[in-house]
Each structure stands twice: as C-alpha cells, then as structure tokens.
Amino acid sequence: MTSLKKISLVILVTGYLAAGANHFRAPDSYIHIIPPYIPLPKLMNILAGFFEILFGIMLIFKVTRFWAAWGIILMLVAFLPVHIDMVLHAPFQLGSLYVTPLIAWIRLLVFQPLLILWAWWYAKE
C-alpha cells in the first residue's frame, strides 16, 4: 500500500469514527434531516452511528477492510434519500450550519459520490 493510500486510510477511519460518534453526541442534528417517510428516526440515527463506528474500526484491519469498504458504500447509498430530501427542503438550519440549496446539491452530487469512490478504493484490495 502506498503512503498516500495509508494516509488516506487513516483519514477515512478517523472520519467514520468521528462521524459515528457524532450521531450519539448530537443526535438531534441527524434526526432533524431524516425524511418523515423513514420510520423510527431515533433508531435509524443510532444504527447509522453504530455502523459508521463499526465500519471505521473494520477498515483498520486488512482482513475486514474489504467488507468495511463495501459496508460504507452500501450505507452511503442508503443515505441518498436523506440527501435528496435535503435538496428538496433547503434552505434550512442544521445546528450551526445554514444549509443552502447549493450546499445541499454539492453534498448530494459531489460529496456523496466522492465518499463512495473513496471507500471503493479500499474495496478493490
């Protein structure tokens, strides 16, 4: 594994561990963006945080990295309805962040695909 890929992996692991922990630290921010047609938003938030932490830990170990990467990819695809709903309902306040339509579109069309590609980079190993 190249140095760039190792550094990228550390960033990815740290990001998913932090993001997962944040679901428990500030649950209202996440529950607020879960579309009303998704049942049990509090449980969905807990599951999202749990799996982000789990997949972050699994990325650390070569033996589980492939499964973690594919878990992240599937999770990011599952989150697409949330990001589409954000586009439909922007602008809105999300904690201290004011989500404009531009931010919502960038998150959906740029950020999500980049995160999926980033995880896929480790799914190829």
C-alpha atoms as a PDB file:
ATOM      1  CA  MET A   1       0.000   0.000   0.000  1.00  0.00           C
ATOM      2  CA  THR A   2       1.377   3.399  -0.974  1.00  0.00           C
ATOM      3  CA  SER A   3       1.985   6.161   1.555  1.00  0.00           C
ATOM      4  CA  LEU A   4      -0.860   8.186   0.051  1.00  0.00           C
ATOM      5  CA  LYS A   5      -3.259   5.279   0.436  1.00  0.00           C
ATOM      6  CA  LYS A   6      -2.140   4.695   4.055  1.00  0.00           C
ATOM      7  CA  ILE A   7      -2.621   8.364   4.941  1.00  0.00           C
ATOM      8  CA  SER A   8      -5.978   8.349   3.159  1.00  0.00           C
ATOM      9  CA  LEU A   9      -6.995   5.267   5.151  1.00  0.00           C
ATOM     10  CA  VAL A  10      -6.122   6.942   8.452  1.00  0.00           C
ATOM     11  CA  ILE A  11      -8.229   9.951   7.448  1.00  0.00           C
ATOM     12  CA  LEU A  12     -11.105   7.699   6.369  1.00  0.00           C
ATOM     13  CA  VAL A  13     -11.022   5.681   9.600  1.00  0.00           C
ATOM     14  CA  THR A  14     -10.821   8.820  11.725  1.00  0.00           C
ATOM     15  CA  GLY A  15     -13.650  10.423   9.770  1.00  0.00           C
ATOM     16  CA  TYR A  16     -16.016   7.491  10.180  1.00  0.00           C
ATOM     17  CA  LEU A  17     -15.206   7.065  13.860  1.00  0.00           C
ATOM     18  CA  ALA A  18     -15.819  10.780  14.466  1.00  0.00           C
ATOM     19  CA  ALA A  19     -18.962  10.877  12.319  1.00  0.00           C
ATOM     20  CA  GLY A  20     -20.350   7.797  14.039  1.00  0.00           C
ATOM     21  CA  ALA A  21     -19.642   9.198  17.488  1.00  0.00           C
ATOM     22  CA  ASN A  22     -21.301  12.452  16.481  1.00  0.00           C
ATOM     23  CA  HIS A  23     -24.590  10.589  15.915  1.00  0.00           C
ATOM     24  CA  PHE A  24     -24.575   9.944  19.677  1.00  0.00           C
ATOM     25  CA  ARG A  25     -23.117  13.315  20.702  1.00  0.00           C
ATOM     26  CA  ALA A  26     -25.570  15.449  18.694  1.00  0.00           C
ATOM     27  CA  PRO A  27     -28.444  13.167  17.664  1.00  0.00           C
ATOM     28  CA  ASP A  28     -30.932  15.978  17.004  1.00  0.00           C
ATOM     29  CA  SER A  29     -28.878  17.255  14.070  1.00  0.00           C
ATOM     30  CA  TYR A  30     -29.204  13.897  12.340  1.00  0.00           C
ATOM     31  CA  ILE A  31     -32.766  13.113  13.386  1.00  0.00           C
ATOM     32  CA  HIS A  32     -33.790  16.508  12.008  1.00  0.00           C
ATOM     33  CA  ILE A  33     -32.689  15.556   8.468  1.00  0.00           C
ATOM     34  CA  ILE A  34     -34.216  12.069   8.357  1.00  0.00           C
ATOM     35  CA  PRO A  35     -37.191  12.246   5.963  1.00  0.00           C
ATOM     36  CA  PRO A  36     -40.596  11.689   7.595  1.00  0.00           C
ATOM     37  CA  TYR A  37     -41.291   8.601   5.459  1.00  0.00           C
ATOM     38  CA  ILE A  38     -38.361   6.750   7.093  1.00  0.00           C
ATOM     39  CA  PRO A  39     -39.713   5.030  10.219  1.00  0.00           C
ATOM     40  CA  LEU A  40     -38.158   5.217  13.678  1.00  0.00           C
ATOM     41  CA  PRO A  41     -35.795   8.165  13.107  1.00  0.00           C
ATOM     42  CA  LYS A  42     -34.161   7.859  16.543  1.00  0.00           C
ATOM     43  CA  LEU A  43     -33.370   4.196  15.919  1.00  0.00           C
ATOM     44  CA  MET A  44     -32.141   4.971  12.371  1.00  0.00           C
ATOM     45  CA  ASN A  45     -29.774   7.575  13.810  1.00  0.00           C
ATOM     46  CA  ILE A  46     -28.421   5.122  16.380  1.00  0.00           C
ATOM     47  CA  LEU A  47     -27.947   2.441  13.704  1.00  0.00           C
ATOM     48  CA  ALA A  48     -26.187   4.893  11.379  1.00  0.00           C
ATOM     49  CA  GLY A  49     -23.813   5.950  14.153  1.00  0.00           C
ATOM     50  CA  PHE A  50     -23.186   2.351  15.204  1.00  0.00           C
ATOM     51  CA  PHE A  51     -22.400   1.198  11.672  1.00  0.00           C
ATOM     52  CA  GLU A  52     -20.177   4.191  10.925  1.00  0.00           C
ATOM     53  CA  ILE A  53     -18.127   3.328  14.028  1.00  0.00           C
ATOM     54  CA  LEU A  54     -18.160  -0.399  13.235  1.00  0.00           C
ATOM     55  CA  PHE A  55     -17.056   0.116   9.629  1.00  0.00           C
ATOM     56  CA  GLY A  56     -14.428   2.629  10.749  1.00  0.00           C
ATOM     57  CA  ILE A  57     -12.942   0.016  13.093  1.00  0.00           C
ATOM     58  CA  MET A  58     -13.202  -2.700  10.438  1.00  0.00           C
ATOM     59  CA  LEU A  59     -11.254  -0.507   7.979  1.00  0.00           C
ATOM     60  CA  ILE A  60      -8.244  -0.670  10.288  1.00  0.00           C
ATOM     61  CA  PHE A  61      -7.704  -4.392   9.784  1.00  0.00           C
ATOM     62  CA  LYS A  62      -6.728  -5.758   6.402  1.00  0.00           C
ATOM     63  CA  VAL A  63      -8.795  -8.921   6.927  1.00  0.00           C
ATOM     64  CA  THR A  64     -12.040  -6.896   7.346  1.00  0.00           C
ATOM     65  CA  ARG A  65     -11.209  -3.863   5.192  1.00  0.00           C
ATOM     66  CA  PHE A  66     -12.951  -5.205   2.060  1.00  0.00           C
ATOM     67  CA  TRP A  67     -16.209  -5.804   3.974  1.00  0.00           C
ATOM     68  CA  ALA A  68     -15.957  -2.450   5.741  1.00  0.00           C
ATOM     69  CA  ALA A  69     -15.479  -0.624   2.449  1.00  0.00           C
ATOM     70  CA  TRP A  70     -18.495  -2.323   0.897  1.00  0.00           C
ATOM     71  CA  GLY A  71     -20.499  -1.680   4.066  1.00  0.00           C
ATOM     72  CA  ILE A  72     -19.644   2.014   3.799  1.00  0.00           C
ATOM     73  CA  ILE A  73     -20.585   2.076   0.111  1.00  0.00           C
ATOM     74  CA  LEU A  74     -23.964   0.462   0.830  1.00  0.00           C
ATOM     75  CA  MET A  75     -24.518   2.766   3.792  1.00  0.00           C
ATOM     76  CA  LEU A  76     -23.773   5.854   1.679  1.00  0.00           C
ATOM     77  CA  VAL A  77     -26.202   4.635  -0.977  1.00  0.00           C
ATOM     78  CA  ALA A  78     -28.807   4.072   1.759  1.00  0.00           C
ATOM     79  CA  PHE A  79     -28.252   7.684   2.911  1.00  0.00           C
ATOM     80  CA  LEU A  80     -29.107   9.075  -0.549  1.00  0.00           C
ATOM     81  CA  PRO A  81     -32.808   9.622   0.298  1.00  0.00           C
ATOM     82  CA  VAL A  82     -31.705  11.857   3.181  1.00  0.00           C
ATOM     83  CA  HIS A  83     -29.529  13.932   0.844  1.00  0.00           C
ATOM     84  CA  ILE A  84     -32.254  14.138  -1.788  1.00  0.00           C
ATOM     85  CA  ASP A  85     -34.679  15.289   0.901  1.00  0.00           C
ATOM     86  CA  MET A  86     -32.149  17.931   1.979  1.00  0.00           C
ATOM     87  CA  VAL A  87     -32.079  19.275  -1.593  1.00  0.00           C
ATOM     88  CA  LEU A  88     -35.876  19.385  -1.666  1.00  0.00           C
ATOM     89  CA  HIS A  89     -36.153  21.230   1.652  1.00  0.00           C
ATOM     90  CA  ALA A  90     -33.194  23.617   1.515  1.00  0.00           C
ATOM     91  CA  PRO A  91     -32.646  26.205   2.818  1.00  0.00           C
ATOM     92  CA  PHE A  92     -32.792  25.185   6.474  1.00  0.00           C
ATOM     93  CA  GLN A  93     -30.768  25.436   9.657  1.00  0.00           C
ATOM     94  CA  LEU A  94     -28.856  22.322  10.738  1.00  0.00           C
ATOM     95  CA  GLY A  95     -27.255  23.005  14.085  1.00  0.00           C
ATOM     96  CA  SER A  96     -24.877  25.896  13.479  1.00  0.00           C
ATOM     97  CA  LEU A  97     -24.834  25.299   9.712  1.00  0.00           C
ATOM     98  CA  TYR A  98     -27.222  27.055   7.367  1.00  0.00           C
ATOM     99  CA  VAL A  99     -27.815  24.600   4.518  1.00  0.00           C
ATOM    100  CA  THR A 100     -28.464  26.475   1.307  1.00  0.00           C
ATOM    101  CA  PRO A 101     -29.729  24.759  -1.845  1.00  0.00           C
ATOM    102  CA  LEU A 102     -26.184  24.980  -3.267  1.00  0.00           C
ATOM    103  CA  ILE A 103     -24.697  23.234  -0.222  1.00  0.00           C
ATOM    104  CA  ALA A 104     -27.375  20.521  -0.395  1.00  0.00           C
ATOM    105  CA  TRP A 105     -26.725  19.945  -4.128  1.00  0.00           C
ATOM    106  CA  ILE A 106     -22.936  19.839  -3.606  1.00  0.00           C
ATOM    107  CA  ARG A 107     -23.386  17.351  -0.795  1.00  0.00           C
ATOM    108  CA  LEU A 108     -25.581  15.136  -2.999  1.00  0.00           C
ATOM    109  CA  LEU A 109     -23.772  15.379  -6.343  1.00  0.00           C
ATOM    110  CA  VAL A 110     -20.147  15.873  -5.283  1.00  0.00           C
ATOM    111  CA  PHE A 111     -19.534  14.845  -1.699  1.00  0.00           C
ATOM    112  CA  GLN A 112     -21.522  11.584  -1.624  1.00  0.00           C
ATOM    113  CA  PRO A 113     -20.031  10.206  -4.874  1.00  0.00           C
ATOM    114  CA  LEU A 114     -16.518  11.129  -3.696  1.00  0.00           C
ATOM    115  CA  LEU A 115     -17.079   9.328  -0.397  1.00  0.00           C
ATOM    116  CA  ILE A 116     -18.356   6.276  -2.279  1.00  0.00           C
ATOM    117  CA  LEU A 117     -15.300   6.301  -4.572  1.00  0.00           C
ATOM    118  CA  TRP A 118     -13.001   6.754  -1.583  1.00  0.00           C
ATOM    119  CA  ALA A 119     -14.441   3.660   0.114  1.00  0.00           C
ATOM    120  CA  TRP A 120     -14.371   1.761  -3.186  1.00  0.00           C
ATOM    121  CA  TRP A 121     -10.622   2.430  -3.390  1.00  0.00           C
ATOM    122  CA  TYR A 122     -10.255   0.113  -0.383  1.00  0.00           C
ATOM    123  CA  ALA A 123     -12.895  -2.369  -1.594  1.00  0.00           C
ATOM    124  CA  LYS A 124     -10.666  -3.202  -4.571  1.00  0.00           C
ATOM    125  CA  GLU A 125      -7.885  -4.657  -2.390  1.00  0.00           C
END
